[in-house]
C-alpha cells in the first residue's frame, strides 16, 4: 500500500471515530420514517430501508429529532456535496414534522409553457414562447389536512430571491381537481406579496386540497416571461397558522448554481 493510501486510510478512520452512533437509533429512525410517510421528501423515492439519516446542522453529535431528517442515499449525497441548500432541508423538515398540514406535491399546469427539472421536484424551467400556452408558470400545489378538524385556507404570501442570470443560459400523478387558479405577482427582492382569497377555502379533516398558483412578473404594468433565475418562498396562510411550502426554483435548481461563461467569436 502506498504512503498516500495509508494516510488517506488513517484520515477515514479518524473521522469514523469522531462520528458517534445515534442514541435510540431504531426508535428515532421509526419516527423520522413516519414523518416523511416512507418517501424521500426530496425526490419521493419509496425505498425507506435504504434511506439515510442526515444531520441538518452537519453536527454528528446533535441527535435531537428536530435536527434529523431521513432521505434517500442519492439525495443525501446531494446535500453533503452542497447541491441542496441547508435552508431548503430545514423547510422540508418543518413541513414534514407539521402535524396539522402536509405538503404533498407541486406540479405544472398544462396551460403554461414550463417544464419540470429532472433532478429536483420543485425546480421548473421556462420552455419558450408557445402561442397556445401562457408564459407564466402555473404551479399546482397539493396539500393534505392532517388534523381531525376542518382548516380555513385564507391566502398566501410570496417572497423571492432574484439570482444573477447574466452568464448562464437555460439547459436542456380518485382524480383530485384544482379548486381554482389564483394569480400572484413576484415582488421586489426583500418585499413580500400577499394574496387574500375573496372566500375562505374549507379543507375537510384528513382530506386533500389542490390549488393552482400563477406566478407573474410585471414591470411598468406589463407582464413578461420569466427568463431569469428566481427562488420563490411561498407561505400558505390559514386562520390561525402559517404553512411554509418547500422552496420553488425557477430556471435553476440551486441557489448556488455555477455560472457558465460563453465566449463569443
Protein backbone atom coordinates (compact mmCIF):
# COMPACT_ATOMS: atom_id res chain seq x y z
CA UNK A 1 0.00 0.00 0.00
CA UNK A 2 1.34 3.44 -0.93
CA UNK A 3 2.05 6.13 1.68
CA UNK A 4 -0.80 8.31 0.31
CA UNK A 5 -3.22 5.39 0.58
CA UNK A 6 -2.15 4.70 4.17
CA UNK A 7 -2.52 8.40 5.05
CA UNK A 8 -5.98 8.51 3.44
CA UNK A 9 -7.00 5.37 5.34
CA UNK A 10 -5.93 6.91 8.65
CA UNK A 11 -7.96 10.07 7.97
CA UNK A 12 -11.08 7.99 7.23
CA UNK A 13 -10.53 6.00 10.45
CA UNK A 14 -10.16 9.19 12.50
CA UNK A 15 -13.33 10.71 11.02
CA UNK A 16 -15.24 7.47 11.67
CA UNK A 17 -14.11 7.55 15.31
CA UNK A 18 -15.32 11.14 15.69
CA UNK A 19 -18.81 10.30 14.40
CA UNK A 20 -20.77 8.88 17.33
CA UNK A 21 -23.65 6.48 16.91
CA UNK A 22 -27.13 7.95 17.24
CA UNK A 23 -28.74 7.08 20.61
CA UNK A 24 -32.04 5.17 20.33
CA UNK A 25 -31.37 4.81 16.61
CA UNK A 26 -34.22 2.35 15.86
CA UNK A 27 -36.80 4.50 17.69
CA UNK A 28 -35.65 7.73 16.08
CA UNK A 29 -35.48 6.16 12.62
CA UNK A 30 -39.08 4.96 13.05
CA UNK A 31 -40.21 8.50 13.99
CA UNK A 32 -38.36 10.03 11.04
CA UNK A 33 -39.79 7.48 8.60
CA UNK A 34 -43.32 8.22 9.85
CA UNK A 35 -42.69 11.95 9.39
CA UNK A 36 -41.95 11.51 5.69
CA UNK A 37 -44.56 8.74 5.22
CA UNK A 38 -41.82 6.38 3.93
CA UNK A 39 -40.99 8.59 0.93
CA UNK A 40 -37.90 10.68 0.42
CA UNK A 41 -39.07 14.29 0.99
CA UNK A 42 -36.86 15.49 -1.85
CA UNK A 43 -37.35 13.04 -4.73
CA UNK A 44 -40.28 10.85 -3.49
CA UNK A 45 -38.24 7.62 -3.66
CA UNK A 46 -40.17 4.87 -1.81
CA UNK A 47 -37.36 2.54 -0.67
CA UNK A 48 -37.07 3.56 3.03
CA UNK A 49 -34.99 0.51 4.01
CA UNK A 50 -32.03 2.15 2.31
CA UNK A 51 -32.71 5.72 3.48
CA UNK A 52 -30.05 7.53 5.48
CA UNK A 53 -30.29 9.92 8.44
CA UNK A 54 -28.95 13.40 7.77
CA UNK A 55 -27.93 15.86 10.49
CA UNK A 56 -29.40 19.16 9.30
CA UNK A 57 -26.79 21.32 11.05
CA UNK A 58 -23.96 18.95 9.95
CA UNK A 59 -23.09 18.24 13.62
CA UNK A 60 -22.98 14.42 14.08
CA UNK A 61 -23.24 14.81 17.87
CA UNK A 62 -26.53 16.77 17.64
CA UNK A 63 -29.00 13.89 17.53
CA UNK A 64 -32.25 15.60 18.52
CA UNK A 65 -35.22 14.60 16.32
CA UNK A 66 -35.60 18.22 15.22
CA UNK A 67 -32.09 18.12 13.72
CA UNK A 68 -32.55 14.81 11.86
CA UNK A 69 -34.23 14.05 8.55
CA UNK A 70 -34.48 10.76 6.64
CA UNK A 71 -33.60 10.92 2.94
CA UNK A 72 -32.59 8.51 0.16
CA UNK A 73 -28.84 7.92 -0.45
CA UNK A 74 -28.85 9.88 -3.72
CA UNK A 75 -30.37 12.99 -2.15
CA UNK A 76 -28.17 12.59 0.94
CA UNK A 77 -25.17 12.78 -1.36
CA UNK A 78 -26.53 15.95 -2.99
CA UNK A 79 -26.95 17.54 0.45
CA UNK A 80 -23.45 16.69 1.65
CA UNK A 81 -21.95 17.95 -1.60
CA UNK A 82 -23.75 21.28 -1.18
CA UNK A 83 -26.05 20.87 -4.20
CA UNK A 84 -29.08 21.43 -1.93
CA UNK A 85 -29.23 24.41 0.42
CA UNK A 86 -29.49 23.89 4.18
CA UNK A 87 -32.42 26.34 4.23
CA UNK A 88 -34.26 24.04 1.78
CA UNK A 89 -33.65 21.00 4.03
CA UNK A 90 -34.83 22.97 7.07
CA UNK A 91 -38.09 23.82 5.27
CA UNK A 92 -38.57 20.17 4.28
CA UNK A 93 -38.09 19.19 7.92
CA UNK A 94 -40.51 21.89 9.03
CA UNK A 95 -43.28 20.81 6.67
CA UNK A 96 -42.76 17.06 7.25
CA UNK A 97 -43.00 17.50 11.04
CA UNK A 98 -46.08 19.77 10.85
CA UNK A 99 -48.91 17.72 12.34
CA UNK A 100 -51.77 19.89 11.03
CA UNK A 101 -50.89 20.26 7.36
CA UNK A 102 -48.74 18.26 4.96
CA UNK A 103 -47.21 19.35 1.66
CA UNK A 104 -47.82 16.59 -0.90
CA UNK A 105 -46.53 17.87 -4.22
CA UNK A 106 -46.11 20.74 -6.65
CA UNK A 107 -46.62 20.23 -10.38
CA UNK A 108 -47.12 22.31 -13.51
CA UNK A 109 -50.43 23.08 -15.18
CA UNK A 110 -50.65 22.05 -18.84
CA UNK A 111 -51.70 25.59 -19.73
CA UNK A 112 -48.20 27.03 -19.22
CA UNK A 113 -45.03 26.70 -21.28
CA UNK A 114 -42.74 25.47 -18.49
CA UNK A 115 -41.14 22.08 -17.81
CA UNK A 116 -40.11 20.25 -14.65
CA UNK A 117 -36.49 19.67 -13.75
CA UNK A 118 -35.47 16.02 -13.94
CA UNK A 119 -33.29 16.20 -10.81
CA UNK A 120 -35.41 18.24 -8.38
CA UNK A 121 -39.21 18.05 -7.95
CA UNK A 122 -39.55 21.72 -7.03
CA UNK A 123 -37.48 23.15 -9.87
CA UNK A 124 -39.02 24.41 -13.12
CA UNK A 125 -37.67 25.88 -16.37
CA UNK A 126 -39.12 28.27 -18.91
CA UNK A 127 -39.64 26.25 -22.12
CA UNK A 128 -40.05 29.06 -24.63
CA UNK A 129 -42.96 31.02 -26.06
CA UNK A 130 -45.97 28.91 -27.10
CA UNK A 131 -48.91 30.77 -28.66
CA UNK A 132 -51.37 28.29 -27.13
CA UNK A 133 -49.94 28.47 -23.60
CA UNK A 134 -49.26 31.17 -21.00
CA UNK A 135 -45.62 32.03 -20.48
CA UNK A 136 -46.25 32.50 -16.73
CA UNK A 137 -45.55 29.45 -14.56
CA UNK A 138 -48.81 27.99 -13.23
CA UNK A 139 -47.97 25.81 -10.23
CA UNK A 140 -50.43 23.24 -8.88
CA UNK A 141 -49.94 22.66 -5.14
CA UNK A 142 -51.42 19.62 -3.39
CA UNK A 143 -51.60 19.71 0.41
CA UNK A 144 -53.33 17.49 2.98
CA UNK A 145 -55.10 18.48 6.18
CA UNK A 146 -53.69 16.03 8.73
CA UNK A 147 -55.83 17.23 11.62
CA UNK A 148 -59.19 15.91 12.78
CA UNK A 149 -60.82 19.29 12.21
CA UNK A 150 -61.55 21.42 9.15
CA UNK A 151 -58.98 24.13 8.48
CA UNK A 152 -59.62 27.52 6.82
CA UNK A 153 -57.22 28.34 4.00
CA UNK A 154 -57.21 32.14 3.71
CA UNK A 155 -54.43 33.14 1.32
CA UNK A 156 -50.71 33.09 0.73
CA UNK A 157 -47.54 35.14 0.84
CA UNK A 158 -44.69 35.17 -1.65
CA UNK A 159 -41.10 36.29 -1.14
CA UNK A 160 -38.46 35.90 -3.82
CA UNK A 161 -34.69 35.93 -4.23
CA UNK A 162 -33.60 37.24 -7.62
CA UNK A 163 -30.43 35.36 -8.55
CA UNK A 164 -27.79 36.58 -11.03
CA UNK A 165 -28.60 35.26 -14.51
CA UNK A 166 -26.37 37.15 -16.94
CA UNK A 167 -23.78 34.49 -17.78
CA UNK A 168 -25.87 31.33 -17.79
CA UNK A 169 -28.48 30.05 -20.23
CA UNK A 170 -31.29 27.51 -19.74
CA UNK A 171 -30.08 23.85 -20.11
CA UNK A 172 -31.53 21.35 -21.64
CA UNK A 173 -49.58 11.76 -10.71
CA UNK A 174 -59.80 9.23 -7.26
CA UNK A 175 -58.83 12.38 -9.64
CA UNK A 176 -58.09 15.40 -7.48
CA UNK A 177 -59.11 18.59 -9.27
CA UNK A 178 -57.90 22.08 -8.52
CA UNK A 179 -60.35 24.26 -6.58
CA UNK A 180 -59.26 27.26 -8.64
CA UNK A 181 -56.37 29.30 -10.00
CA UNK A 182 -55.01 32.34 -8.19
CA UNK A 183 -52.54 34.87 -9.56
CA UNK A 184 -49.75 36.41 -7.51
CA UNK A 185 -47.14 38.91 -8.66
CA UNK A 186 -43.43 38.48 -7.99
CA UNK A 187 -42.33 41.18 -5.50
CA UNK A 188 -39.12 43.13 -5.50
CA UNK A 189 -36.32 41.43 -3.58
CA UNK A 190 -36.80 41.86 0.16
CA UNK A 191 -40.53 42.61 -0.20
CA UNK A 192 -43.48 40.25 0.24
CA UNK A 193 -46.53 39.99 -2.00
CA UNK A 194 -49.71 38.90 -0.18
CA UNK A 195 -52.84 37.41 -1.70
CA UNK A 196 -56.05 37.15 0.33
CA UNK A 197 -58.74 34.88 -1.12
CA UNK A 198 -62.14 36.51 -1.61
CA UNK A 199 -63.69 33.49 0.12
CA UNK A 200 -62.04 31.16 2.61
CA UNK A 201 -61.36 27.63 1.41
CA UNK A 202 -62.52 24.90 3.78
CA UNK A 203 -60.26 21.83 3.75
CA UNK A 204 -62.13 18.97 5.48
CA UNK A 205 -60.41 16.96 8.20
CA UNK A 206 -57.99 14.33 6.87
CA UNK A 207 -58.63 15.33 3.26
CA UNK A 208 -56.65 16.81 0.37
CA UNK A 209 -56.72 20.15 -1.41
CA UNK A 210 -55.25 21.17 -4.77
CA UNK A 211 -54.82 24.80 -5.81
CA UNK A 212 -53.20 26.44 -8.84
CA UNK A 213 -50.97 29.48 -8.37
CA UNK A 214 -49.95 31.53 -11.41
CA UNK A 215 -46.73 33.44 -10.89
CA UNK A 216 -46.44 36.65 -12.90
CA UNK A 217 -43.54 39.05 -13.34
CA UNK A 218 -44.76 42.58 -14.05
CA UNK A 219 -42.67 45.61 -14.95
CA UNK A 220 -44.16 49.04 -15.60
CA UNK A 221 -47.59 47.47 -15.95
CA UNK A 222 -46.55 44.80 -18.46
CA UNK A 223 -46.30 41.06 -17.78
CA UNK A 224 -43.29 39.40 -19.38
CA UNK A 225 -41.85 35.85 -19.48
CA UNK A 226 -39.67 34.86 -16.53
CA UNK A 227 -36.30 34.04 -18.07
CA UNK A 228 -34.05 34.89 -15.13
CA UNK A 229 -33.29 32.75 -12.08
CA UNK A 230 -35.62 33.11 -9.14
CA UNK A 231 -36.10 31.38 -5.80
CA UNK A 232 -39.73 31.50 -4.60
CA UNK A 233 -40.56 31.28 -0.90
CA UNK A 234 -44.29 30.66 -0.52
CA UNK A 235 -46.28 30.65 2.71
CA UNK A 236 -49.85 29.34 2.73
CA UNK A 237 -51.91 31.27 5.26
CA UNK A 238 -54.58 29.58 7.39
CA UNK A 239 -56.93 31.03 10.01
CA UNK A 240 -54.53 30.57 12.94
CA UNK A 241 -51.22 29.37 11.50
CA UNK A 242 -48.91 29.60 8.50
CA UNK A 243 -47.62 26.68 6.41
CA UNK A 244 -44.27 27.07 4.64
CA UNK A 245 -44.04 25.45 1.21
CA UNK A 246 -40.64 23.99 0.16
CA UNK A 247 -38.57 26.45 -1.87
CA UNK A 248 -39.52 26.69 -5.56
CA UNK A 249 -36.76 27.26 -8.12
CA UNK A 250 -37.40 28.91 -11.48
CA UNK A 251 -34.76 28.49 -14.21
CA UNK A 252 -32.30 26.99 -11.72
CA UNK A 253 -32.13 24.09 -9.25
CA UNK A 254 -29.92 25.62 -6.58
CA UNK A 255 -29.21 28.99 -5.04
CA UNK A 256 -25.53 28.43 -5.83
CA UNK A 257 -25.76 27.30 -9.46
CA UNK A 258 -22.38 27.65 -11.15
CA UNK A 259 -22.00 30.23 -13.88
CA UNK A 260 -21.44 29.15 -17.46
CA UNK A 261 -19.21 31.57 -19.34
CA UNK A 262 -19.70 31.67 -23.10
CA UNK A 263 -17.09 33.32 -25.32
CA UNK A 264 -18.47 34.94 -28.44
CA UNK A 265 -16.37 34.74 -31.57
